[in-house]
Every structure is written in structure tokens, then in C-alpha cells.
Amino acid sequence: MYSKNLFLKIFVALFAISGSLSAQIDPDLKKRVDEDTRLQDVMSRAETLIQTGLNAGSGYAEVWIRDLNTFIEPACKVVDTNKIRDALLVFFKFQGDDGNIVDGYVTRTDDKISYDFRYSDLAPEFKAHKNTVETDQESSLIQAIAKYVRTTGDKSILQEQIAGRSVEKRMNDALQFLLNERFNMEYGLIWGATTADWGDVQPEHNWGVALDNNSHLCIDIYDNAMFAIAIRDFISLIDDTKNKIYWENVHANITLNVRKHLWDSSKQKFIPHIYLNGSPFPANFDESAVYYHGGTAIAIEADMLSKDEILASYRQMQRNVAAAGANSIGLTVYPPYPEGFFLNPSMKPYGYQNGGDWCWFGARMVQQLIAYGFYNEAYEALSPMIDRVIEHNGFYEWWTLEGKPKGSGMFRGSAGTIWKAIKMMQEKSAIPR
């Protein structure tokens, strides 16, 4: 009799294998990629921006881990890797006793934003903060460490001691925090506050970044896909066989439960939320119609969809873009949540994270199209993103339906994800025929 865990491992392995069966890029597309001067131009612009700092962008003083995680690979090419290593270690210096990881940190003299700051004698020059509506800080740090190690080869960071505890053990603590404090036994998945897709703004408050008695707790695809990727990355870094088996079983169960509870096979999409203490939205609102572009891209990165489902997802994103009149598949959600559903005024329909167009996530979908062999689709999806960078001379945070830039004008997250998408496309094009 085969064990349940064995079936789980086989299930996950089949999805992982499907991602490695990439077709070869066709000669016509290879020629177009090779001759497309925009690609190297935008890569160079990205590197120029990223080498100027590790904070999120021109509108943000903070070094945020969810942002750093998305531009750490090009940063390792153009920034002193010792600075990157130190920046990653700061997050562990603010780690909570329960293993939780902060969102970001700034110098103690910075007083532009009034967070509920956390202080540490291990990093006296900084103060840190945690947006508690999110459940991606721990996962983002694990992923960033893995990317740093893969890019630099510096595995010694795992044995770096922070207050007498190694980084490897602290990474384990961070993952375990999610199981101890953010895990729902009924569904076998982790939870967070209600947000729009991958966003960090809940609907119940004018700012909306802190859990309180008004918050509506829920389960969504973004948090769980990020967790699954982080577990996979952690397993790839450690040598402890017993711990590997433990986390392999957790990973397999997360993947299985995502498919069981969050994937709507009839609609070929992820449901937005499973509510644990009621919905913040009116009873007559059909939230099941809302499509989450970003969470879907991250689920693909987590090997949670088959190739047929990936292509179907991309085609639906295209239809959403056309219906909205948007410019790229970076469109956050479609349709957006109606006016007034979020008290934060930035979250109006097609504003900010409620239907704004973000290359930060759109380019991650491009990366996955490349990873799964959909090269023509990837080139098609990437093109409007790089055109905007060139036209507006900047990696803006997000874009309106009309193609107007918004937010930080030097947003390193967008630069990092576009850079990586271009690099992946160029690497595929460079394969001899």
C-alpha cells in the first residue's frame, strides 16, 4: 500500500516536470529577439537604476523584502555583493522570537512615515516595521536568500550567526512561524487579511496595513504560492535529510490543498478568497468573478498549474486586458472591486492594487511563460512593458488604463522583474539551433 505522502510527492513532481519540458524557440522569434535593440537597452537601464541602492524606489526610503526579493539577481551583478549580504542579514536581526520577519527597515533618523516600529540592539542604526495584513515577508526572505546563494555561490551565509543562531536555523524558524501562527487546519493552508490579490491594503481602514478586530481573515493563492516556493527554495539549500523530508511533506500538502480548495477547475481560475470570519464585501457582490493576475503568476512559479492551464490562464489575462482597455497583463485584477469597497482612497477601481497595471507582477508572468516554453506569448506580453520604460524613461511603480505612469518613478521591483524576463528570453534565444 502506497502512503499518502508518496502520492503527494508524485503529484507535485508531475507538475514540476511539466515545467521542464520547454519547447525550443522558433527561428523567426529567435531572429526577432536577437535583433530587438530594446531588450538590451532596457536591461542596461535596469542595471543603472539598481546599482544606485537597495531601497524599493524613489518614493520609498525602506529596504523592503518583498521588493528586494524581486531585484536581488540583477543587484548581485551590479552591486557589491557584501552590501547585499549585509542587507539580507538585517532582516534576521529584527526577527521576532516566534520567527516572524519584518517587511522592511529604514535608518533610525528617517521619520517620513509613522509605522509601529521595531528596534533591535543587533542593528542599532535601523528601525523596522511589519505590515501584518501580509503573509509573504517570511517567504520573500527565504526566496531572496536562495536567489543570492544561486547567483553568488556564497552558501556561507547560511551558517552566519545572528545572536548565536545560524541563518539556516532562522530561515527554518521563519517558515515554521507561518505554520504555527498563520496556518488554518481546516483547509491546510496559510491565511492573511483580505487584500486585492497580492496587495498589502485591507478594505476596512483608510491606510489598511495592520491586522485588528475589524480585519477579515482569509486564504488566498498568492500567500500560499509564495510559501510553497519558499519551502522549495529552503529544501534546495539544506543538507539535513530529516528536515528536508519534513518540509517536502509540508510542501506537498500545501500544493495539494491549493488545488483542492483554491483552484476552480470549471472556470479555470483561482477563487479570490476563502473567508474564515466573514467577507468585508456586500452579500450580493460576486467576488468569484474577479480574476487575480499576480497570484496566478506566482502559482505558476510554484508549479501549481499544468501547461494547458498556464496557457489558458494567459489567454484569460489577455481577454481581461482587452475588456479593461489596459496596456499589459500586469493588470492586477479584473474586474476591479467597485468604488467604496476599500476605504483607502487609492484603491478606487483601476487604481493602485485594485486594477492598476504593474510590471512588477506582469513581468513575473512573462518569466513563467518563458520557463514553460511559451516564447511567442512571452515576447508578446513583454513588449508593451519595455515600450513604456523607454517612452517614459523610467521603471514606474504602476500604470493607469490610459498608460500614464504612477507611483515611484524609479521602482526597482519593476526593473528587476523586467530585467529577469529579458535575460531569460535572451538565454533561450542564445541556444544553438
Protein backbone atom coordinates (compact mmCIF):
# COMPACT_ATOMS: atom_id res chain seq x y z
CA MET A 1 0.00 0.00 0.00
CA TYR A 2 1.42 3.36 -1.03
CA SER A 3 1.47 6.11 1.61
CA LYS A 4 -0.49 9.35 1.28
CA ASN A 5 2.78 11.31 1.34
CA LEU A 6 4.12 9.30 -1.57
CA PHE A 7 1.09 10.20 -3.68
CA LEU A 8 1.52 13.85 -2.70
CA LYS A 9 5.16 13.79 -3.77
CA ILE A 10 4.30 12.16 -7.10
CA PHE A 11 1.57 14.76 -7.69
CA VAL A 12 3.95 17.66 -7.06
CA ALA A 13 6.72 16.04 -9.12
CA LEU A 14 4.46 15.70 -12.16
CA PHE A 15 3.70 19.41 -12.10
CA ALA A 16 7.38 20.24 -11.63
CA ILE A 17 8.39 18.01 -14.54
CA SER A 18 5.87 19.73 -16.81
CA GLY A 19 7.76 22.98 -16.35
CA SER A 20 11.00 21.47 -17.61
CA LEU A 21 9.56 20.25 -20.93
CA SER A 22 10.10 23.55 -22.71
CA ALA A 23 9.95 23.65 -26.49
CA GLN A 24 12.73 25.26 -28.49
CA ILE A 25 12.33 28.86 -29.55
CA ASP A 26 11.38 29.04 -33.23
CA PRO A 27 13.87 30.58 -35.70
CA ASP A 28 11.70 33.57 -36.59
CA LEU A 29 11.26 34.57 -32.95
CA LYS A 30 14.93 33.94 -32.26
CA LYS A 31 15.81 36.38 -35.03
CA ARG A 32 13.39 38.99 -33.66
CA VAL A 33 14.80 38.64 -30.14
CA ASP A 34 18.38 38.82 -31.36
CA GLU A 35 17.68 41.98 -33.37
CA ASP A 36 15.46 43.72 -30.80
CA THR A 37 17.66 46.56 -29.51
CA ARG A 38 15.01 47.48 -26.93
CA LEU A 39 15.87 44.46 -24.84
CA GLN A 40 19.48 45.32 -24.09
CA ASP A 41 18.57 48.98 -23.75
CA VAL A 42 16.02 48.25 -21.01
CA MET A 43 18.32 45.77 -19.28
CA SER A 44 21.03 48.43 -19.12
CA ARG A 45 18.55 50.96 -17.75
CA ALA A 46 17.50 48.45 -15.08
CA GLU A 47 21.09 47.80 -14.04
CA THR A 48 21.83 51.52 -13.87
CA LEU A 49 18.87 52.04 -11.54
CA ILE A 50 19.50 49.01 -9.33
CA GLN A 51 23.14 49.82 -8.73
CA THR A 52 22.10 53.07 -7.00
CA GLY A 53 20.54 51.43 -3.95
CA LEU A 54 18.56 48.60 -2.37
CA ASN A 55 15.53 50.57 -1.21
CA ALA A 56 12.30 49.92 -3.08
CA GLY A 57 12.36 53.05 -5.20
CA SER A 58 12.47 56.82 -5.42
CA GLY A 59 9.27 57.13 -3.36
CA TYR A 60 10.41 54.73 -0.65
CA ALA A 61 13.25 55.00 1.82
CA GLU A 62 12.67 51.47 3.10
CA VAL A 63 14.53 48.33 2.13
CA TRP A 64 11.51 46.05 1.74
CA ILE A 65 12.00 42.31 1.48
CA ARG A 66 9.08 41.70 -0.89
CA ASP A 67 10.74 44.21 -3.26
CA LEU A 68 14.38 43.21 -2.73
CA ASN A 69 13.40 39.62 -3.46
CA THR A 70 12.43 40.65 -6.99
CA PHE A 71 15.59 42.55 -7.95
CA ILE A 72 18.27 40.73 -5.99
CA GLU A 73 19.54 38.80 -9.02
CA PRO A 74 20.47 41.86 -11.12
CA ALA A 75 21.64 43.55 -7.91
CA CYS A 76 24.16 40.75 -7.42
CA LYS A 77 25.57 41.65 -10.84
CA VAL A 78 25.91 45.43 -10.38
CA VAL A 79 26.11 45.98 -6.59
CA ASP A 80 28.83 44.94 -4.15
CA THR A 81 27.57 41.53 -3.03
CA ASN A 82 28.80 42.18 0.51
CA LYS A 83 26.26 45.01 0.72
CA ILE A 84 23.52 42.70 -0.47
CA ARG A 85 24.58 40.04 2.03
CA ASP A 86 24.51 42.59 4.83
CA ALA A 87 21.10 43.87 3.75
CA LEU A 88 19.66 40.36 3.92
CA LEU A 89 21.16 39.74 7.34
CA VAL A 90 19.50 42.86 8.75
CA PHE A 91 16.12 41.14 8.39
CA PHE A 92 17.27 38.35 10.67
CA LYS A 93 18.49 40.89 13.21
CA PHE A 94 14.89 42.07 13.55
CA GLN A 95 13.39 38.57 13.54
CA GLY A 96 10.77 38.00 16.23
CA ASP A 97 11.13 35.35 18.91
CA ASP A 98 8.34 33.43 17.16
CA GLY A 99 10.28 33.50 13.87
CA ASN A 100 8.35 36.28 12.11
CA ILE A 101 10.13 38.52 9.62
CA VAL A 102 9.58 42.27 9.23
CA ASP A 103 8.51 43.93 6.00
CA GLY A 104 11.39 46.36 5.83
CA TYR A 105 13.69 48.76 7.60
CA VAL A 106 14.94 52.33 7.38
CA THR A 107 17.56 54.37 9.16
CA ARG A 108 16.50 55.50 12.64
CA THR A 109 16.65 59.13 11.54
CA ASP A 110 14.00 58.63 8.83
CA ASP A 111 10.64 59.94 10.03
CA LYS A 112 8.61 60.30 6.84
CA ILE A 113 6.13 57.54 7.76
CA SER A 114 4.81 56.73 11.23
CA TYR A 115 4.85 52.93 11.46
CA ASP A 116 4.73 50.88 14.63
CA PHE A 117 8.49 50.48 14.51
CA ARG A 118 10.53 47.60 15.89
CA TYR A 119 14.04 48.16 17.26
CA SER A 120 16.96 45.80 17.73
CA ASP A 121 20.31 46.12 19.51
CA LEU A 122 21.70 43.93 16.72
CA ALA A 123 21.03 46.72 14.19
CA PRO A 124 21.12 49.97 16.18
CA GLU A 125 21.25 52.18 13.09
CA PHE A 126 17.91 50.93 11.76
CA LYS A 127 14.26 50.62 12.73
CA ALA A 128 11.93 48.06 11.17
CA HIS A 129 8.22 47.54 10.62
CA LYS A 130 5.80 44.76 9.69
CA ASN A 131 2.59 45.15 7.70
CA THR A 132 0.63 42.45 9.49
CA VAL A 133 -2.08 42.13 6.83
CA GLU A 134 0.53 40.38 4.67
CA THR A 135 1.71 36.79 4.86
CA ASP A 136 4.61 37.00 2.43
CA GLN A 137 7.52 38.54 4.35
CA GLU A 138 8.92 35.22 5.59
CA SER A 139 8.51 33.60 2.18
CA SER A 140 10.09 36.57 0.42
CA LEU A 141 13.20 36.46 2.61
CA ILE A 142 13.71 32.72 2.09
CA GLN A 143 13.36 33.19 -1.66
CA ALA A 144 15.78 36.13 -1.63
CA ILE A 145 18.40 34.13 0.28
CA ALA A 146 18.09 31.29 -2.22
CA LYS A 147 18.50 33.65 -5.16
CA TYR A 148 21.51 35.24 -3.51
CA VAL A 149 23.15 31.85 -2.97
CA ARG A 150 22.37 30.64 -6.50
CA THR A 151 23.67 33.87 -8.05
CA THR A 152 26.81 34.37 -5.96
CA GLY A 153 27.64 30.82 -4.85
CA ASP A 154 28.04 32.17 -1.31
CA LYS A 155 26.49 29.38 0.73
CA SER A 156 28.42 30.51 3.81
CA ILE A 157 25.62 32.97 4.56
CA LEU A 158 23.57 30.01 5.80
CA GLN A 159 25.98 29.49 8.70
CA GLU A 160 26.28 33.16 9.60
CA GLN A 161 25.47 33.55 13.29
CA ILE A 162 22.87 36.10 14.37
CA ALA A 163 22.68 36.28 18.17
CA GLY A 164 24.05 32.75 18.41
CA ARG A 165 21.63 31.22 15.89
CA SER A 166 22.58 30.40 12.30
CA VAL A 167 20.80 31.91 9.32
CA GLU A 168 19.79 28.42 8.23
CA LYS A 169 18.04 27.81 11.54
CA ARG A 170 16.46 31.25 11.41
CA MET A 171 15.14 30.51 7.93
CA ASN A 172 13.58 27.36 9.32
CA ASP A 173 12.11 29.44 12.17
CA ALA A 174 10.58 31.85 9.66
CA LEU A 175 8.86 29.07 7.74
CA GLN A 176 7.73 27.43 10.97
CA PHE A 177 6.21 30.76 12.09
CA LEU A 178 3.77 30.51 9.19
CA LEU A 179 2.73 27.03 10.27
CA ASN A 180 2.48 27.99 13.93
CA GLU A 181 0.77 31.37 13.60
CA ARG A 182 -0.79 31.63 10.11
CA PHE A 183 -1.97 28.09 9.35
CA ASN A 184 -5.60 27.01 9.10
CA MET A 185 -6.12 23.35 9.98
CA GLU A 186 -9.47 23.00 8.20
CA TYR A 187 -8.07 23.88 4.76
CA GLY A 188 -4.41 23.03 5.35
CA LEU A 189 -3.31 26.42 4.02
CA ILE A 190 -1.95 29.67 5.43
CA TRP A 191 -4.06 32.80 5.90
CA GLY A 192 -3.75 36.58 5.88
CA ALA A 193 -6.03 39.58 5.80
CA THR A 194 -8.34 40.36 2.88
CA THR A 195 -6.49 42.28 0.16
CA ALA A 196 -6.76 42.63 -3.61
CA ASP A 197 -4.66 39.77 -4.99
CA TRP A 198 -1.04 40.24 -3.80
CA GLY A 199 -1.73 43.64 -2.26
CA ASP A 200 -0.99 44.89 1.25
CA VAL A 201 -4.08 47.08 1.78
CA GLN A 202 -7.16 45.70 3.55
CA PRO A 203 -10.58 47.25 2.88
CA GLU A 204 -11.56 48.12 6.45
CA HIS A 205 -9.23 51.10 7.04
CA ASN A 206 -8.07 54.28 5.33
CA TRP A 207 -4.48 53.01 5.34
CA GLY A 208 -5.12 49.33 5.87
CA VAL A 209 -1.80 47.68 6.71
CA ALA A 210 -2.36 46.36 10.26
CA LEU A 211 -4.47 43.47 11.48
CA ASP A 212 -7.06 44.35 14.12
CA ASN A 213 -10.52 43.30 15.27
CA ASN A 214 -12.06 44.72 12.09
CA SER A 215 -9.92 42.59 9.76
CA HIS A 216 -11.48 39.80 7.73
CA LEU A 217 -9.14 36.81 7.67
CA CYS A 218 -8.94 34.68 4.56
CA ILE A 219 -6.94 32.24 2.49
CA ASP A 220 -5.71 33.20 -0.99
CA ILE A 221 -3.47 31.86 -3.72
CA TYR A 222 -0.68 34.46 -3.52
CA ASP A 223 0.30 33.78 0.10
CA ASN A 224 0.25 30.02 -0.34
CA ALA A 225 2.10 30.01 -3.65
CA MET A 226 4.81 32.23 -2.15
CA PHE A 227 5.04 29.84 0.81
CA ALA A 228 5.38 26.83 -1.49
CA ILE A 229 8.18 28.49 -3.47
CA ALA A 230 9.98 29.41 -0.24
CA ILE A 231 9.77 25.84 1.05
CA ARG A 232 11.11 24.53 -2.25
CA ASP A 233 13.98 27.03 -2.09
CA PHE A 234 14.77 26.16 1.52
CA ILE A 235 14.89 22.45 0.73
CA SER A 236 17.36 23.17 -2.08
CA LEU A 237 19.73 24.89 0.36
CA ILE A 238 19.86 22.50 3.31
CA ASP A 239 21.62 19.16 3.81
CA ASP A 240 19.68 17.84 6.81
CA THR A 241 17.81 14.83 5.38
CA LYS A 242 15.26 14.66 8.19
CA ASN A 243 14.41 18.34 7.82
CA LYS A 244 14.21 18.02 4.05
CA ILE A 245 11.62 15.24 4.40
CA TYR A 246 9.62 17.31 6.89
CA TRP A 247 9.42 20.31 4.56
CA GLU A 248 8.85 18.15 1.47
CA ASN A 249 5.71 16.81 3.15
CA VAL A 250 4.56 20.32 4.07
CA HIS A 251 5.20 21.47 0.50
CA ALA A 252 3.28 18.57 -0.99
CA ASN A 253 0.30 19.19 1.29
CA ILE A 254 0.23 22.92 0.51
CA THR A 255 0.23 22.18 -3.22
CA LEU A 256 -2.48 19.55 -2.92
CA ASN A 257 -4.69 21.80 -0.77
CA VAL A 258 -4.29 24.73 -3.17
CA ARG A 259 -5.61 22.54 -5.95
CA LYS A 260 -8.38 21.20 -3.75
CA HIS A 261 -9.64 24.44 -2.22
CA LEU A 262 -8.50 27.40 -4.35
CA TRP A 263 -8.47 26.22 -7.96
CA ASP A 264 -11.83 26.37 -9.72
CA SER A 265 -11.43 23.79 -12.49
CA SER A 266 -14.75 24.67 -14.10
CA LYS A 267 -13.73 28.32 -14.54
CA GLN A 268 -10.01 27.56 -14.93
CA LYS A 269 -9.10 30.20 -12.36
CA PHE A 270 -8.25 30.65 -8.69
CA ILE A 271 -11.04 31.82 -6.42
CA PRO A 272 -10.10 35.13 -4.77
CA HIS A 273 -10.65 34.24 -1.10
CA ILE A 274 -11.81 31.61 1.34
CA TYR A 275 -13.15 33.65 4.26
CA LEU A 276 -12.54 32.46 7.81
CA ASN A 277 -14.61 35.08 9.67
CA GLY A 278 -16.88 36.51 7.03
CA SER A 279 -16.38 38.73 3.98
CA PRO A 280 -15.90 42.51 4.19
CA PHE A 281 -17.89 42.94 0.97
CA PRO A 282 -21.67 43.11 0.42
CA ALA A 283 -23.52 39.79 0.27
CA ASN A 284 -24.73 40.49 -3.29
CA PHE A 285 -21.18 41.00 -4.62
CA ASP A 286 -19.98 38.10 -6.77
CA GLU A 287 -16.31 38.05 -5.87
CA SER A 288 -15.83 34.72 -7.65
CA ALA A 289 -15.87 36.67 -10.94
CA VAL A 290 -12.70 38.58 -10.00
CA TYR A 291 -9.53 37.27 -11.67
CA TYR A 292 -6.20 37.63 -9.85
CA HIS A 293 -3.36 38.11 -12.35
CA GLY A 294 -0.48 38.35 -9.86
CA GLY A 295 -1.43 35.42 -7.66
CA THR A 296 -1.91 33.28 -10.75
CA ALA A 297 1.61 34.11 -11.96
CA ILE A 298 3.10 33.17 -8.59
CA ALA A 299 1.11 29.92 -8.54
CA ILE A 300 2.63 29.05 -11.90
CA GLU A 301 6.08 29.74 -10.49
CA ALA A 302 5.17 27.35 -7.66
CA ASP A 303 4.42 24.58 -10.21
CA MET A 304 0.74 24.51 -9.28
CA LEU A 305 -0.71 24.56 -12.81
CA SER A 306 -0.26 22.31 -15.82
CA LYS A 307 0.97 23.66 -19.14
CA ASP A 308 -2.56 23.63 -20.56
CA GLU A 309 -3.80 25.56 -17.53
CA ILE A 310 -0.95 28.06 -17.86
CA LEU A 311 -1.78 28.80 -21.47
CA ALA A 312 -5.48 29.08 -20.62
CA SER A 313 -4.58 31.49 -17.81
CA TYR A 314 -2.55 33.66 -20.14
CA ARG A 315 -5.36 33.76 -22.68
CA GLN A 316 -7.77 34.85 -19.95
CA MET A 317 -5.36 37.58 -18.88
CA GLN A 318 -5.31 38.79 -22.48
CA ARG A 319 -9.11 38.90 -22.55
CA ASN A 320 -9.12 40.81 -19.26
CA VAL A 321 -6.66 43.36 -20.63
CA ALA A 322 -8.80 43.88 -23.72
CA ALA A 323 -12.01 44.18 -21.69
CA ALA A 324 -10.45 46.69 -19.29
CA GLY A 325 -8.70 48.67 -22.01
CA ALA A 326 -5.41 48.16 -20.20
CA ASN A 327 -1.93 48.06 -21.66
CA SER A 328 -0.40 44.84 -20.30
CA ILE A 329 -1.06 41.66 -18.34
CA GLY A 330 0.35 43.49 -15.31
CA LEU A 331 -3.30 44.44 -14.76
CA THR A 332 -3.74 43.47 -11.11
CA VAL A 333 -7.32 42.25 -11.02
CA TYR A 334 -10.27 42.14 -13.38
CA PRO A 335 -12.91 43.25 -12.87
CA PRO A 336 -11.77 45.63 -10.14
CA TYR A 337 -13.55 45.92 -6.81
CA PRO A 338 -16.29 48.60 -7.02
CA GLU A 339 -15.96 52.14 -5.73
CA GLY A 340 -16.07 52.31 -1.94
CA PHE A 341 -15.24 48.66 -1.27
CA PHE A 342 -11.84 49.78 0.10
CA LEU A 343 -11.70 52.74 2.48
CA ASN A 344 -8.19 53.59 1.29
CA PRO A 345 -8.87 56.20 -1.46
CA SER A 346 -6.03 54.88 -3.63
CA MET A 347 -7.97 51.63 -4.04
CA LYS A 348 -10.63 53.02 -6.35
CA PRO A 349 -11.46 50.94 -9.44
CA TYR A 350 -8.35 50.65 -11.65
CA GLY A 351 -6.31 52.47 -9.01
CA TYR A 352 -3.17 51.21 -7.30
CA GLN A 353 -3.60 47.50 -6.40
CA ASN A 354 -7.26 47.42 -7.49
CA GLY A 355 -6.73 47.11 -11.22
CA GLY A 356 -3.60 49.18 -11.66
CA ASP A 357 -1.14 47.81 -14.22
CA TRP A 358 2.07 46.62 -12.51
CA CYS A 359 5.08 45.37 -14.46
CA TRP A 360 6.33 44.15 -11.08
CA PHE A 361 3.95 41.22 -11.42
CA GLY A 362 3.23 41.24 -15.15
CA ALA A 363 6.89 40.56 -15.89
CA ARG A 364 6.80 37.63 -13.47
CA MET A 365 4.08 36.10 -15.62
CA VAL A 366 6.34 36.66 -18.62
CA GLN A 367 9.11 34.81 -16.79
CA GLN A 368 6.82 31.83 -16.28
CA LEU A 369 5.69 31.81 -19.89
CA ILE A 370 9.36 31.53 -20.83
CA ALA A 371 10.03 28.87 -18.21
CA TYR A 372 7.24 26.73 -19.62
CA GLY A 373 8.19 27.19 -23.27
CA PHE A 374 5.59 29.74 -24.37
CA TYR A 375 8.15 32.01 -26.01
CA ASN A 376 5.95 33.78 -28.55
CA GLU A 377 3.39 34.56 -25.86
CA ALA A 378 6.14 35.81 -23.54
CA TYR A 379 7.62 38.13 -26.16
CA GLU A 380 4.14 39.41 -26.98
CA ALA A 381 3.37 40.11 -23.30
CA LEU A 382 6.74 41.71 -22.56
CA SER A 383 6.74 44.14 -25.48
CA PRO A 384 4.33 46.78 -24.10
CA MET A 385 6.17 46.79 -20.79
CA ILE A 386 9.54 47.61 -22.29
CA ASP A 387 7.98 50.16 -24.63
CA ARG A 388 6.64 52.06 -21.61
CA VAL A 389 10.05 52.07 -19.92
CA ILE A 390 11.64 53.61 -23.00
CA GLU A 391 8.83 56.08 -23.72
CA HIS A 392 8.68 57.40 -20.15
CA ASN A 393 12.37 56.91 -19.34
CA GLY A 394 11.74 55.08 -16.09
CA PHE A 395 10.59 51.97 -14.27
CA TYR A 396 7.41 53.32 -12.77
CA GLU A 397 5.58 51.56 -9.98
CA TRP A 398 2.28 51.15 -11.83
CA TRP A 399 0.29 52.45 -14.77
CA THR A 400 -3.26 53.64 -15.38
CA LEU A 401 -5.55 52.20 -18.04
CA GLU A 402 -4.56 55.15 -20.23
CA GLY A 403 -0.88 54.25 -19.88
CA LYS A 404 0.02 57.09 -17.53
CA PRO A 405 2.80 56.34 -15.03
CA LYS A 406 2.01 56.39 -11.30
CA GLY A 407 3.85 55.95 -8.03
CA SER A 408 7.59 55.73 -7.66
CA GLY A 409 9.39 56.76 -10.83
CA MET A 410 12.39 54.57 -10.04
CA PHE A 411 10.73 51.40 -8.81
CA ARG A 412 13.41 48.72 -8.53
CA GLY A 413 10.90 45.88 -8.32
CA SER A 414 9.69 46.60 -11.85
CA ALA A 415 13.28 46.99 -13.05
CA GLY A 416 14.23 43.64 -11.50
CA THR A 417 11.37 41.57 -12.86
CA ILE A 418 11.64 43.04 -16.37
CA TRP A 419 15.42 42.55 -16.31
CA LYS A 420 14.99 38.89 -15.42
CA ALA A 421 12.33 38.33 -18.07
CA ILE A 422 14.60 39.80 -20.74
CA LYS A 423 17.56 37.77 -19.51
CA MET A 424 15.54 34.56 -19.65
CA MET A 425 14.36 35.35 -23.18
CA GLN A 426 17.88 36.14 -24.35
CA GLU A 427 19.21 32.93 -22.82
CA LYS A 428 16.60 30.89 -24.68
CA SER A 429 17.40 32.72 -27.91
CA ALA A 430 21.11 32.02 -27.44
CA ILE A 431 20.60 28.23 -27.54
CA PRO A 432 22.27 26.95 -30.75
CA ARG A 433 19.95 25.65 -33.44
